[in-house]
Protein backbone atom coordinates (compact mmCIF):
# COMPACT_ATOMS: atom_id res chain seq x y z
CA MET A 1 -9.85 18.20 1.80
CA LEU A 2 -8.42 15.65 4.27
CA LEU A 3 -8.65 12.71 2.13
CA LEU A 4 -6.87 12.27 -0.93
CA ASN A 5 -7.69 12.56 -4.89
CA PRO A 6 -5.72 12.62 -7.49
CA GLN A 7 -7.56 14.19 -10.08
CA LYS A 8 -7.49 17.34 -7.35
CA PHE A 9 -4.05 17.15 -6.22
CA ASP A 10 -3.71 19.64 -4.17
CA ARG A 11 -0.91 19.09 -1.39
CA LYS A 12 1.38 21.32 -0.43
CA TYR A 13 4.94 20.29 0.34
CA ALA A 14 8.08 21.87 1.50
CA ASP A 15 10.06 21.83 -1.71
CA GLU A 16 9.31 21.52 -5.34
CA LYS A 17 11.07 18.22 -5.94
CA THR A 18 8.51 16.50 -3.39
CA ARG A 19 5.51 17.74 -4.92
CA ASN A 20 7.03 16.84 -9.04
CA LEU A 21 7.55 13.61 -7.14
CA MET A 22 4.78 12.98 -5.99
CA ALA A 23 2.53 14.25 -8.97
CA LYS A 24 4.49 12.00 -11.25
CA THR A 25 3.77 9.39 -9.60
CA ILE A 26 -0.31 10.09 -9.45
CA GLU A 27 0.36 11.12 -13.37
CA PHE A 28 1.87 7.52 -14.07
CA LEU A 29 -0.68 5.13 -12.18
CA GLU A 30 -3.53 7.42 -13.53
CA ASN A 31 -2.48 6.51 -16.99
CA LYS A 32 -1.73 3.43 -16.68
CA GLY A 33 -5.12 3.24 -15.76
CA LEU A 34 -7.68 0.89 -14.00
CA LYS A 35 -7.68 -1.41 -17.15
CA SER A 36 -4.00 -1.88 -16.81
CA ILE A 37 -3.99 -2.45 -13.48
CA LYS A 38 -6.49 -5.02 -13.11
CA LYS A 39 -5.07 -7.19 -15.51
CA ASP A 40 -1.79 -7.09 -14.04
CA TRP A 41 -3.66 -7.69 -10.63
CA HIS A 42 -5.33 -10.67 -12.06
CA GLU A 43 -2.46 -11.46 -13.72
CA LYS A 44 -0.02 -11.58 -11.00
CA ALA A 45 2.20 -9.98 -12.91
CA TRP A 46 5.15 -8.07 -10.65
CA ASN A 47 5.23 -4.46 -11.52
CA HIS A 48 8.55 -3.93 -13.03
CA GLU A 49 6.62 -1.11 -15.14
CA PHE A 50 6.44 1.23 -11.89
CA VAL A 51 10.03 -0.26 -10.46
CA GLU A 52 11.46 1.38 -14.10
CA PHE A 53 9.11 4.94 -13.64
CA MET A 54 10.54 4.78 -9.42
CA LYS A 55 14.12 4.23 -11.11
CA LYS A 56 13.71 7.07 -13.84
CA GLU A 57 11.98 9.68 -11.44
CA GLN A 58 15.15 8.70 -8.97
CA VAL A 59 11.93 7.89 -5.98
CA PHE A 60 13.52 5.60 -4.18
CA ALA A 61 16.87 7.63 -4.41
CA THR A 62 14.81 10.89 -2.68
CA LEU A 63 13.35 9.85 -0.36
CA MET A 64 15.08 7.24 1.36
CA THR A 65 18.44 7.93 1.98
CA PRO A 66 19.28 10.27 4.40
CA THR A 67 20.80 13.07 4.18
CA GLY A 68 24.71 12.77 3.85
CA TYR A 69 24.69 9.62 1.53
CA GLY A 70 23.23 10.69 -1.53
CA ALA A 71 21.99 14.22 -3.57
CA GLU A 72 21.58 17.32 -1.47
CA ASP A 73 17.78 17.30 -2.11
CA SER A 74 17.65 13.54 -0.81
CA ARG A 75 16.76 12.81 3.07
CA TRP A 76 14.49 10.66 4.95
CA ASP A 77 11.53 12.39 5.74
CA THR A 78 8.98 10.65 7.53
CA PHE A 79 6.17 13.34 6.47
CA ARG A 80 6.82 12.73 2.73
CA ASN A 81 7.60 9.01 3.28
CA SER A 82 4.06 8.24 4.25
CA GLU A 83 2.30 10.64 1.85
CA PHE A 84 4.42 7.91 -1.15
CA ALA A 85 3.13 5.32 1.67
CA GLU A 86 -1.04 6.67 0.99
CA ILE A 87 -0.20 7.38 -3.17
CA SER A 88 0.65 4.23 -4.11
CA ALA A 89 -1.17 2.45 -1.86
CA PHE A 90 -4.29 4.25 -3.44
CA TYR A 91 -3.53 2.02 -6.35
CA GLY A 92 -2.99 -0.95 -4.79
CA ILE A 93 -0.81 -3.02 -2.53
CA THR A 94 1.97 -3.88 -4.78
CA TYR A 95 3.17 -0.34 -5.95
CA TRP A 96 3.04 0.11 -1.79
CA TYR A 97 4.64 -3.16 -1.07
CA THR A 98 7.67 -2.45 -3.26
CA TYR A 99 8.23 0.75 -1.24
CA GLN A 100 7.38 -0.48 1.60
CA VAL A 101 9.96 -3.53 1.81
CA SER A 102 12.86 -1.93 0.21
CA MET A 103 12.71 0.71 3.32
CA LEU A 104 12.18 -2.19 5.88
CA GLY A 105 15.65 -4.04 3.69
CA LEU A 106 17.49 -0.09 4.18
CA GLY A 107 17.02 0.44 7.90
CA PRO A 108 19.78 -1.89 8.86
CA VAL A 109 21.95 -0.30 6.03
CA PHE A 110 21.63 2.96 7.46
CA LEU A 111 21.14 1.93 11.43
CA GLY A 112 24.52 0.26 11.10
CA ALA A 113 27.96 1.62 12.03
CA ASN A 114 29.60 0.11 8.39
CA GLU A 115 29.85 3.90 6.45
CA GLU A 116 31.21 2.09 3.49
CA MET A 117 28.09 0.01 3.03
CA LYS A 118 25.65 3.57 3.43
CA HIS A 119 27.87 4.72 0.59
CA LYS A 120 27.53 1.76 -1.59
CA THR A 121 23.54 1.54 -0.88
CA ALA A 122 22.84 5.38 -2.00
CA LYS A 123 24.38 4.57 -5.22
CA LEU A 124 22.74 1.29 -5.46
CA LEU A 125 19.20 3.78 -4.55
CA GLN A 126 20.47 6.34 -7.42
CA GLU A 127 20.66 2.91 -10.08
CA GLY A 128 16.47 2.30 -8.96
CA GLY A 129 17.57 -0.61 -7.22
CA VAL A 130 14.91 -2.14 -5.28
CA PHE A 131 15.28 -4.09 -1.37
CA ALA A 132 14.43 -6.71 1.07
CA PHE A 133 14.24 -7.47 3.90
CA GLY A 134 15.92 -10.57 5.23
CA LEU A 135 13.71 -11.64 9.18
CA SER A 136 11.44 -14.28 9.10
CA GLU A 137 12.32 -17.94 8.67
CA ARG A 138 9.48 -20.73 7.85
CA GLU A 139 10.09 -22.26 11.25
CA HIS A 140 10.11 -19.53 13.65
CA GLY A 141 7.20 -17.40 12.04
CA ALA A 142 7.05 -14.18 13.95
CA ASP A 143 9.35 -15.08 16.40
CA ILE A 144 12.17 -13.19 15.86
CA TYR A 145 14.29 -14.71 18.56
CA SER A 146 15.45 -17.82 16.55
CA SER A 147 17.11 -18.14 13.43
CA ASP A 148 18.63 -20.77 11.69
CA MET A 149 20.48 -18.64 9.32
CA MET A 150 24.41 -18.62 10.37
CA LEU A 151 27.24 -17.21 9.70
CA THR A 152 30.08 -18.98 10.63
CA PRO A 153 33.85 -17.43 10.46
CA ASN A 154 36.79 -18.78 7.85
CA GLY A 155 39.08 -17.93 9.75
CA ASP A 156 41.07 -15.49 7.35
CA GLY A 157 38.48 -12.74 8.63
CA THR A 158 35.59 -13.96 5.94
CA TYR A 159 32.95 -15.24 6.87
CA ARG A 160 30.69 -17.85 4.74
CA ALA A 161 26.01 -17.69 5.04
CA ASN A 162 24.13 -20.63 5.30
CA GLY A 163 20.24 -20.83 5.83
CA ASP A 164 17.09 -20.27 4.69
CA LYS A 165 14.42 -17.33 4.86
CA TYR A 166 10.99 -16.96 4.17
CA TYR A 167 8.20 -14.80 3.46
CA ILE A 168 10.83 -11.86 2.05
CA GLY A 169 9.50 -9.23 -0.23
CA ASN A 170 11.40 -7.76 -3.29
CA GLY A 171 13.53 -11.18 -2.67
CA ASN A 172 13.31 -12.06 -6.22
CA GLU A 173 14.82 -8.76 -7.89
CA ALA A 174 16.42 -6.84 -4.52
CA ALA A 175 20.16 -5.39 -5.00
CA LEU A 176 20.40 -5.98 -1.57
CA VAL A 177 19.20 -7.98 0.50
CA SER A 178 19.83 -7.30 4.55
CA THR A 179 19.92 -10.41 6.24
CA PHE A 180 19.16 -11.54 10.20
CA ALA A 181 21.53 -14.05 10.81
CA LYS A 182 23.31 -15.90 14.17
CA MET A 183 26.81 -15.66 13.95
CA SER A 184 27.72 -20.02 14.21
CA ASP A 185 30.60 -19.63 16.75
CA THR A 186 29.61 -17.52 19.28
CA GLY A 187 25.48 -17.13 18.97
CA GLU A 188 25.24 -13.36 18.80
CA TYR A 189 23.31 -11.56 16.34
CA VAL A 190 24.62 -10.35 12.98
CA TRP A 191 23.09 -8.06 9.76
CA PHE A 192 24.79 -8.59 6.76
CA GLY A 193 24.16 -7.69 2.86
CA VAL A 194 23.60 -10.09 0.09
CA ASP A 195 22.25 -9.76 -3.71
CA SER A 196 19.82 -11.82 -4.93
CA LYS A 197 21.64 -12.42 -8.56
CA HIS A 198 24.22 -13.87 -7.18
CA GLU A 199 24.91 -17.51 -8.07
CA LYS A 200 25.34 -18.58 -3.72
CA TYR A 201 21.62 -17.07 -3.51
CA GLU A 202 18.68 -19.48 -4.66
CA LEU A 203 15.51 -17.88 -5.14
CA VAL A 204 13.71 -20.63 -3.72
CA LYS A 205 9.24 -19.25 -4.98
CA ASN A 206 7.13 -17.32 -4.46
CA THR A 207 5.58 -17.97 -0.92
CA VAL A 208 2.38 -16.41 -1.70
CA ASN A 209 0.05 -16.66 -4.64
CA GLU A 210 -0.28 -13.09 -5.46
CA GLN A 211 1.26 -9.90 -7.67
CA ASN A 212 3.87 -9.22 -5.02
CA TYR A 213 6.98 -11.51 -5.34
CA VAL A 214 7.23 -12.43 -1.14
CA SER A 215 10.35 -14.55 -1.65
CA GLU A 216 11.64 -18.01 0.28
CA TYR A 217 15.43 -17.62 -0.43
CA ALA A 218 18.76 -20.03 0.63
CA LEU A 219 22.53 -19.30 0.88
CA HIS A 220 24.90 -21.87 0.14
CA ASP A 221 28.04 -21.36 1.61
CA TYR A 222 27.76 -16.90 -0.02
CA PRO A 223 31.19 -15.50 0.79
CA ILE A 224 30.74 -12.72 3.29
CA THR A 225 33.07 -10.25 4.21
CA GLU A 226 33.89 -7.68 7.02
CA GLY A 227 32.48 -5.07 4.32
CA GLU A 228 29.14 -6.56 4.18
CA ILE A 229 28.35 -6.83 7.73
CA LEU A 230 26.01 -4.46 8.87
CA GLU A 231 25.81 -4.49 12.25
CA LYS A 232 26.85 -7.61 15.27
CA GLY A 233 25.81 -8.20 18.47
CA ASP A 234 22.94 -6.19 20.83
CA LYS A 235 23.15 -3.50 18.09
CA ALA A 236 22.10 -5.82 15.56
CA TRP A 237 19.39 -6.78 17.50
CA ASP A 238 17.74 -3.42 18.51
CA ASN A 239 18.38 -2.52 15.06
CA MET A 240 16.12 -4.70 13.25
CA LEU A 241 13.86 -3.20 16.34
CA ASN A 242 13.89 0.15 15.40
CA THR A 243 14.11 -0.67 11.63
CA ILE A 244 10.03 -2.50 12.44
CA ASN A 245 9.56 1.20 14.32
CA ILE A 246 10.48 3.43 11.38
CA CYS A 247 8.83 1.10 9.42
CA LYS A 248 5.81 0.14 10.32
CA PHE A 249 4.58 2.99 10.33
CA ASN A 250 3.75 2.89 6.48
CA LEU A 251 1.02 -0.05 7.13
CA GLY A 252 -1.43 2.49 7.98
CA TRP A 253 -0.88 4.83 4.98
CA GLY A 254 -1.31 1.95 2.52
CA SER A 255 -4.56 1.03 4.63
CA ILE A 256 -5.68 4.86 4.27
CA GLY A 257 -4.90 4.72 0.75
CA MET A 258 -6.74 1.70 -0.43
CA CYS A 259 -9.90 2.89 1.42
CA THR A 260 -10.21 6.39 0.50
CA HIS A 261 -10.00 4.66 -3.55
CA VAL A 262 -13.03 2.31 -2.67
CA PHE A 263 -15.10 4.98 -1.14
CA TYR A 264 -14.33 7.04 -3.96
CA GLU A 265 -16.51 3.98 -6.15
CA ALA A 266 -18.50 2.45 -4.06
CA ILE A 267 -20.36 6.11 -3.24
CA ASP A 268 -20.59 6.54 -6.90
CA HIS A 269 -22.05 2.97 -7.21
CA ALA A 270 -24.32 3.37 -4.89
CA ALA A 271 -25.99 7.05 -5.33
CA ASN A 272 -26.78 5.83 -9.82
CA ARG A 273 -28.71 3.04 -8.33
CA TYR A 274 -32.19 3.17 -9.01
CA VAL A 275 -33.99 0.25 -6.61
CA TYR A 276 -37.20 -0.07 -5.31
CA GLY A 277 -38.15 3.28 -6.75
CA LYS A 278 -35.44 5.02 -4.51
CA TYR A 279 -31.58 5.34 -5.74
CA VAL A 280 -29.46 3.49 -2.71
CA THR A 281 -27.77 5.83 -0.89
CA ASP A 282 -31.61 6.82 0.29
CA PHE A 283 -32.62 4.56 2.26
CA PRO A 284 -31.79 4.77 6.10
CA HIS A 285 -29.39 1.45 6.96
CA VAL A 286 -27.12 3.03 3.71
CA LYS A 287 -26.65 6.32 4.87
CA ARG A 288 -25.90 4.73 7.96
CA LEU A 289 -23.19 2.23 6.38
CA PHE A 290 -21.59 4.71 4.60
CA THR A 291 -21.48 7.49 7.10
CA ASP A 292 -19.77 5.23 10.35
CA ALA A 293 -17.36 4.23 7.30
CA TYR A 294 -16.46 7.79 6.47
CA ALA A 295 -15.75 8.63 10.14
CA ARG A 296 -13.35 5.79 10.71
CA LEU A 297 -11.79 6.67 7.81
CA ILE A 298 -10.88 10.64 8.57
CA ALA A 299 -10.65 9.06 12.34
CA MET A 300 -7.70 6.82 10.81
CA LYS A 301 -6.18 9.61 8.71
CA LEU A 302 -6.64 12.01 11.73
CA PHE A 303 -4.53 9.74 13.97
CA ALA A 304 -2.29 8.73 11.41
CA GLU A 305 -1.39 12.57 10.84
CA ARG A 306 -1.24 13.31 14.40
CA ALA A 307 1.16 10.33 15.04
CA ARG A 308 3.46 11.02 12.52
CA ASP A 309 4.74 14.51 14.37
CA TYR A 310 5.48 12.33 17.74
CA MET A 311 7.70 10.14 15.25
CA ARG A 312 9.48 13.16 13.80
CA CYS A 313 9.70 14.98 17.11
CA ALA A 314 11.45 11.97 19.04
CA SER A 315 14.07 12.10 20.75
CA GLU A 316 16.30 10.39 23.95
CA THR A 317 13.63 11.86 26.31
CA ASP A 318 10.59 11.76 24.29
CA ARG A 319 9.35 8.62 23.08
CA ARG A 320 6.18 8.60 23.03
CA TYR A 321 6.22 7.80 19.26
CA LEU A 322 6.90 3.91 20.36
CA LEU A 323 2.87 3.97 21.47
CA PHE A 324 1.42 5.96 18.94
CA ASN A 325 3.61 3.75 15.73
CA PRO A 326 2.38 0.92 16.52
CA MET A 327 -1.29 1.59 16.82
CA VAL A 328 -0.84 2.96 13.26
CA LYS A 329 0.28 -0.04 12.44
CA MET A 330 -2.47 -2.06 14.03
CA LYS A 331 -5.22 0.31 14.78
CA VAL A 332 -5.33 2.02 11.60
CA THR A 333 -5.30 -1.53 9.62
CA CYS A 334 -7.77 -3.41 11.19
CA GLN A 335 -10.43 -0.21 11.44
CA GLY A 336 -9.06 -0.21 7.55
CA GLU A 337 -10.84 -3.83 6.93
CA GLU A 338 -14.11 -2.07 8.92
CA VAL A 339 -14.23 0.63 5.98
CA VAL A 340 -14.63 -1.75 3.48
CA ASN A 341 -16.93 -4.26 5.68
CA LEU A 342 -19.03 -1.44 5.99
CA LEU A 343 -18.73 -0.62 1.79
CA TRP A 344 -19.26 -4.20 0.99
CA ASP A 345 -21.93 -4.27 3.27
CA VAL A 346 -23.97 -1.65 0.34
CA ILE A 347 -22.23 -2.58 -2.29
CA ALA A 348 -22.74 -6.19 -2.22
CA ALA A 349 -22.27 -8.25 -4.87
CA LYS A 350 -20.76 -5.14 -7.06
CA GLY A 351 -17.69 -6.31 -4.15
CA PHE A 352 -16.92 -9.51 -6.14
CA GLU A 353 -17.28 -8.47 -9.94
CA LYS A 354 -13.87 -8.39 -11.98
CA GLU A 355 -14.19 -4.84 -13.34
CA PRO A 356 -13.69 -2.53 -10.10
CA PHE A 357 -11.34 -1.35 -7.86
CA PHE A 358 -13.42 -2.65 -5.29
CA GLU A 359 -11.61 -6.47 -6.05
CA VAL A 360 -8.66 -5.96 -5.28
CA VAL A 361 -8.96 -3.91 -1.72
CA ALA A 362 -11.48 -6.25 -0.40
CA HIS A 363 -8.46 -9.06 -1.33
CA GLU A 364 -5.48 -6.87 -0.20
CA ILE A 365 -6.94 -4.78 2.72
CA ARG A 366 -7.27 -7.75 5.05
CA MET A 367 -2.98 -8.36 4.20
CA LEU A 368 -1.81 -4.90 5.83
CA PRO A 369 -2.49 -6.50 9.89
CA LYS A 370 -1.24 -9.20 9.61
CA LEU A 371 2.06 -7.91 7.94
CA GLU A 372 5.16 -6.91 10.50
CA GLY A 373 4.28 -9.06 13.23
CA THR A 374 0.47 -9.20 13.70
CA VAL A 375 -2.12 -7.71 15.54
CA HIS A 376 -1.24 -9.26 18.62
CA VAL A 377 2.10 -9.13 18.86
CA ASN A 378 1.89 -5.24 18.28
CA MET A 379 -1.17 -5.29 20.88
CA ALA A 380 1.13 -6.77 23.54
CA LEU A 381 3.86 -4.57 22.57
CA ILE A 382 1.09 -1.58 23.73
CA VAL A 383 0.04 -2.79 27.05
CA LYS A 384 3.42 -2.10 27.99
CA PHE A 385 3.03 1.39 28.13
CA MET A 386 -0.65 1.27 29.80
CA GLN A 387 0.32 2.19 33.58
CA ASN A 388 2.62 5.37 32.58
CA TYR A 389 0.14 6.87 30.21
CA PHE A 390 -2.84 6.18 33.02
CA PHE A 391 -0.94 6.93 36.30
CA ASN A 392 2.15 8.49 36.12
CA PRO A 393 2.07 11.61 33.23
CA GLY A 394 4.90 13.59 32.54
CA GLU A 395 5.61 17.06 31.06
CA PHE A 396 6.75 17.64 27.51
CA PRO A 397 6.76 20.54 24.98
CA GLU A 398 3.51 20.95 23.06
CA ILE A 399 4.86 18.73 19.47
CA PRO A 400 3.59 20.92 16.33
CA MET A 401 3.15 19.52 12.96
CA ARG A 402 5.60 18.71 11.17
CA THR A 403 5.82 18.48 7.48
CA ASP A 404 8.98 20.53 6.94
CA ALA A 405 11.39 19.32 4.89
CA ALA A 406 14.32 18.03 7.45
CA ASN A 407 16.20 14.49 7.78
CA ASP A 408 14.77 12.70 10.59
CA ASP A 409 17.96 12.23 11.78
CA PHE A 410 16.74 10.37 15.53
CA LEU A 411 14.88 7.45 13.98
CA PHE A 412 18.78 6.67 12.81
CA ASN A 413 19.78 7.02 16.55
CA GLN A 414 16.96 5.85 18.73
CA GLY A 415 18.88 3.37 21.08
CA PRO A 416 18.86 0.34 23.01
CA THR A 417 14.98 -1.33 22.46
CA LYS A 418 14.60 -2.07 26.23
CA GLY A 419 12.22 -0.15 28.83
CA LEU A 420 9.44 0.04 27.08
CA GLY A 421 7.76 0.84 30.88
CA LYS A 422 9.41 3.54 31.54
CA VAL A 423 8.74 5.64 28.65
CA GLN A 424 5.86 8.37 29.48
CA PHE A 425 2.88 10.54 28.08
CA HIS A 426 2.00 13.56 28.94
CA ASP A 427 -1.70 13.86 30.93
CA TYR A 428 -4.26 12.87 28.48
CA ASN A 429 -6.90 14.91 29.53
CA ILE A 430 -5.41 18.02 27.92
CA ALA A 431 -6.72 16.28 24.88
CA TYR A 432 -10.58 15.23 25.71
CA ASP A 433 -10.54 18.56 27.76
CA SER A 434 -10.36 20.93 24.66
CA VAL A 435 -13.63 20.49 23.37
CA ASP A 436 -16.64 19.95 25.36
CA LEU A 437 -19.14 17.78 23.78
CA PRO A 438 -21.70 16.03 23.86
CA ASN A 439 -19.61 12.58 22.51
CA VAL A 440 -16.64 13.15 23.54
CA ASN A 441 -17.92 13.79 27.57
CA VAL A 442 -19.82 10.26 27.20
CA PHE A 443 -16.66 8.99 25.90
CA LYS A 444 -14.56 10.71 28.84
CA GLU A 445 -17.68 8.80 31.33
CA GLN A 446 -16.12 5.33 29.63
CA ILE A 447 -12.27 6.02 30.02
CA ALA A 448 -13.22 7.37 34.19
CA THR A 449 -15.03 4.21 34.42
CA PHE A 450 -12.08 2.42 32.89
CA LYS A 451 -9.11 3.82 35.14
CA GLU A 452 -11.44 3.45 37.52
CA TYR A 453 -11.45 -0.86 36.85
CA LEU A 454 -7.45 -0.18 36.66
CA MET A 455 -7.48 1.23 39.57
CA LYS A 456 -10.00 -1.04 42.01
CA ALA A 457 -10.42 -4.39 39.93
CA SER A 458 -6.92 -4.42 37.88
CA PRO A 459 -5.93 -7.75 36.31
CA ASP A 460 -5.09 -10.72 38.77
CA LYS A 461 -1.84 -11.65 37.92
CA THR A 462 -3.34 -15.00 36.31
CA GLN A 463 -5.12 -12.55 33.79
CA ALA A 464 -1.55 -10.80 33.44
CA ARG A 465 0.05 -13.59 32.10
CA ASP A 466 -3.55 -14.62 29.55
CA ILE A 467 -2.55 -12.88 26.52
CA ASP A 468 -6.43 -13.35 25.43
CA TYR A 469 -7.27 -11.38 28.65
CA LEU A 470 -4.66 -8.60 28.12
CA LEU A 471 -6.02 -8.40 24.41
CA SER A 472 -9.16 -7.20 25.33
CA VAL A 473 -7.70 -4.38 27.87
CA GLY A 474 -5.66 -3.60 25.14
CA ASP A 475 -8.40 -2.82 22.86
CA ILE A 476 -10.14 -0.42 24.86
CA PHE A 477 -6.47 1.08 26.14
CA THR A 478 -5.81 2.02 22.74
CA LEU A 479 -9.55 3.41 21.95
CA VAL A 480 -8.36 6.20 24.52
CA ALA A 481 -4.82 6.90 22.80
CA TYR A 482 -6.85 6.81 19.57
CA GLY A 483 -9.37 9.74 20.71
CA GLN A 484 -6.89 11.50 22.09
CA LEU A 485 -4.75 12.25 18.82
CA ILE A 486 -7.70 12.88 16.82
CA LEU A 487 -8.59 15.59 19.38
CA GLU A 488 -4.90 17.04 18.92
CA SER A 489 -5.47 16.97 15.35
CA LYS A 490 -9.23 18.48 15.29
CA PRO A 491 -7.49 21.73 15.49
CA LEU A 492 -5.16 20.94 13.10
CA PHE A 493 -7.03 20.25 10.34
CA ASP A 494 -9.81 22.29 11.00
CA VAL A 495 -12.91 19.73 11.68
CA SER A 496 -15.82 20.73 12.58
CA ASP A 497 -17.69 19.48 15.70
CA ASP A 498 -19.84 17.30 14.14
CA LEU A 499 -17.50 15.56 12.51
CA ILE A 500 -15.55 15.19 15.86
CA GLU A 501 -19.16 13.86 17.17
CA GLU A 502 -19.75 11.34 14.44
CA ILE A 503 -16.52 9.68 15.20
CA PHE A 504 -17.31 9.43 19.04
CA ASP A 505 -20.44 8.15 18.13
CA VAL A 506 -18.68 5.43 16.72
CA MET A 507 -15.97 5.47 19.21
CA ILE A 508 -18.50 4.74 21.76
CA ARG A 509 -20.08 1.98 20.52
CA ASP A 510 -17.02 0.26 19.57
CA PHE A 511 -16.34 1.10 23.57
CA ALA A 512 -18.69 -0.66 24.20
CA LYS A 513 -18.50 -3.53 22.18
CA PHE A 514 -14.99 -4.26 23.92
CA ALA A 515 -16.22 -4.01 27.21
CA VAL A 516 -19.16 -6.22 25.94
CA THR A 517 -16.16 -9.07 25.09
CA LEU A 518 -13.93 -8.46 28.87
CA HIS A 519 -17.42 -8.97 30.35
CA GLY A 520 -17.15 -12.57 28.98
CA LYS A 521 -13.77 -13.33 30.10
CA ALA A 522 -14.51 -16.53 32.44
CA SER A 523 -11.57 -15.19 34.78
CA ASN A 524 -13.80 -12.00 35.73
CA SER A 525 -14.55 -11.60 39.66
CA ASP A 526 -17.93 -10.31 39.75
CA ALA A 527 -16.63 -6.74 40.13
CA GLN A 528 -14.34 -6.49 36.84
CA ARG A 529 -17.80 -8.11 35.84
CA ASP A 530 -19.29 -4.64 36.82
CA TYR A 531 -17.01 -2.19 35.86
CA CYS A 532 -17.36 -3.93 32.31
CA LEU A 533 -20.91 -4.03 32.54
CA LYS A 534 -20.40 0.34 33.45
CA MET A 535 -18.41 0.86 30.32
CA VAL A 536 -21.29 -0.21 28.34
CA LYS A 537 -23.13 3.27 27.33
CA SER A 538 -24.92 4.88 24.41
CA PRO A 539 -23.80 7.86 21.63
CA VAL A 540 -25.96 10.51 22.31
CA ALA A 541 -27.80 10.77 19.10
CA ASN A 542 -28.35 13.70 16.89
CA PRO A 543 -30.50 13.07 13.55
CA GLU A 544 -29.47 17.00 12.53
CA ARG A 545 -25.75 16.40 13.09
CA PHE A 546 -26.21 13.26 11.28
CA ASN A 547 -27.78 14.61 8.28
CA LYS A 548 -24.94 17.53 8.44
CA ILE A 549 -22.70 15.31 7.91
CA TRP A 550 -24.02 13.05 5.34
CA THR A 551 -25.75 15.70 2.72
CA GLU A 552 -22.67 18.17 3.32
CA GLN A 553 -19.36 15.49 3.71
CA VAL A 554 -20.30 11.64 3.49
CA TYR A 555 -22.45 11.85 -0.18
CA ALA A 556 -20.87 15.06 -1.51
CA MET A 557 -18.09 12.46 -2.56
CA LYS A 558 -19.90 11.64 -4.83
CA ASP A 559 -18.53 11.91 -8.44
CA GLN A 560 -15.55 13.40 -7.05
CA TYR A 561 -13.04 10.86 -8.09
CA LYS A 562 -13.47 7.86 -10.07
CA MET A 563 -10.01 6.24 -12.53
CA LYS A 564 -10.08 6.12 -15.91
CA ASP A 565 -10.02 2.70 -17.96
C-alpha cells in the first residue's frame, strides 16, 4: 500500500535497525494515544517526552550523523530521513518539527570545514540533543542577504557575537544553535555554533502561540573561538543555501503524513454518518470530493518518492534535484492544503471539534508551505529552470529507485549555489510518451500549447520583471514537471492506468485554472490571451473508471486505521 498505515506497518528497509527505529517510533506515538496527543496540543506542551524517547532510541544520532562521525550504522540517508518525516508528521507537526529544525541546525556543521565541531556535534547527537538553525531575523524575514547578527574580532584570535535571531525552532532547548552572521570588520558571512544554555544566550520568547517553540534569541557579547566557527566567506553563504536544499525536502513529507492521517479519519466519519436517508459517502458530490482528495494525495506521494531518487543520485553533473527539491517543499505542501480543504468540505463542522485529529491538521497544514521561505520565493527559484527544461534537454542515465542503505555524500559537497540557469534536464516527453491514456494525452496537448506560448508569445521584458506575472507562468510550468515525475513513478509502484487517469483528471482542471488566472493578467497581449484560452481543456469523462477508483481504492480506506484514545 502506497499510503502509510501505522497499524499495518509493512514497509521494507535495507537494514533491520532502520525498520526497528521506525516501528518503535510508531509504537511510542500509538501508545501515547489520540487523547494524550490532543491534550498536549491544546495545552501547547513542548514535546519533551518524545525527545526523551528519541534520545533513548538514538533516533537523531542514527538518522542524522553522516558516515564517519558516529556509530558504524549511522548515516545521512535521505530515503529513511524522509520516511521518518512522514511517520512523525502523521501524529502532528510538533513531532516532525523538532526533527526538521534539528536537521537544519546540523546542516551548517556537516557542510562546514570544522572537523572538530563535526565530531563534537556527533557526540551531542549521541547524547540526545536537539539542534537549531539561526538564520532569519525579525527585521529582514526572508531577506537572507541581510543580517544584523555580528561577529566581532577581539584582536587575540577570539570573537564576540551580538545580535538577535527570530523565528528559530528549538531555540529553547538546542544543544547547538548554528548561527548565521556577518563579520563586523569585513562584512563577509560566517557560521558559528552557540549553546542555548550559555549565560550570554538570551531566550527572549516563543514567537508563536503553538505547541512548537519557535524562538527569538539574542546573543550579548557571546564568546566565540576559532573552534566554534563553522565556515566563513562565500562558502558560508553556499552552506546556508545548501542546508536549505537538503532540509526543505522534509516539508512535503510532513504534509503527506498529516494528510494521510486525516484521510482515514474523514472517510470513517463520512461512511458511518447517515443523513437524509443515506450514508454521506453515497452522495455524488462527496464521492467526487473524496476521490479528488485521494488522487491529489497519491500524486503528492508519487512525486515526492521520485524526487527523492533524483536527490540521492545528484552529482556535480546532475543537478536536476534543484528543480524537483523545491517543488516537494512548495507544490506538495500546497497540494496538502487542497487535500485538507476537500476533506473539510465533506466533514464540515466536525473539523472544528476538539476530539478528532482533524482539528490539529486543519490548523497545521497551512504552516508547511510558509516555512523555509514562502511559496513565492520557491517559485521565483523554479522559473529559472524553465528555459532549459523545455528547450535545451540533456542526456542523462536513467535514475533508479533509491532505497539502499547509503550515505548521501553529495549533499555535503553540493558546491557553489550559482549557475541555476545552466542546469539541464532530460526530455520530459520520455515520461509523457511512456503511456497512451486519454487524460494524459489531453494534458500533453495543454503542455504543447504552453510551450508554444513560451516560443511565440513569451513574457516581454516588463512581464519578466513582474513577479506576479511570473508566478502564474510558474504555476503552469510546475504542473508539467509534477506530472513528469508522477509518470516516472508509475512503473516503480505499479500504479494502475485508472488511477493515473484520475490523477490527470485533476491536473487537467488545475492546468485550466492556472491558464484562466494567467489570462486575467492586465499586461497580456492579445496573442498571450489566445494561448491562455487554448490551454483551457476538460478531462475525458469516464464514469466507469471513476466508480472503480472510488469503490476499490477510496472507499476501501474505510475502517483501515483509527488511532486509539
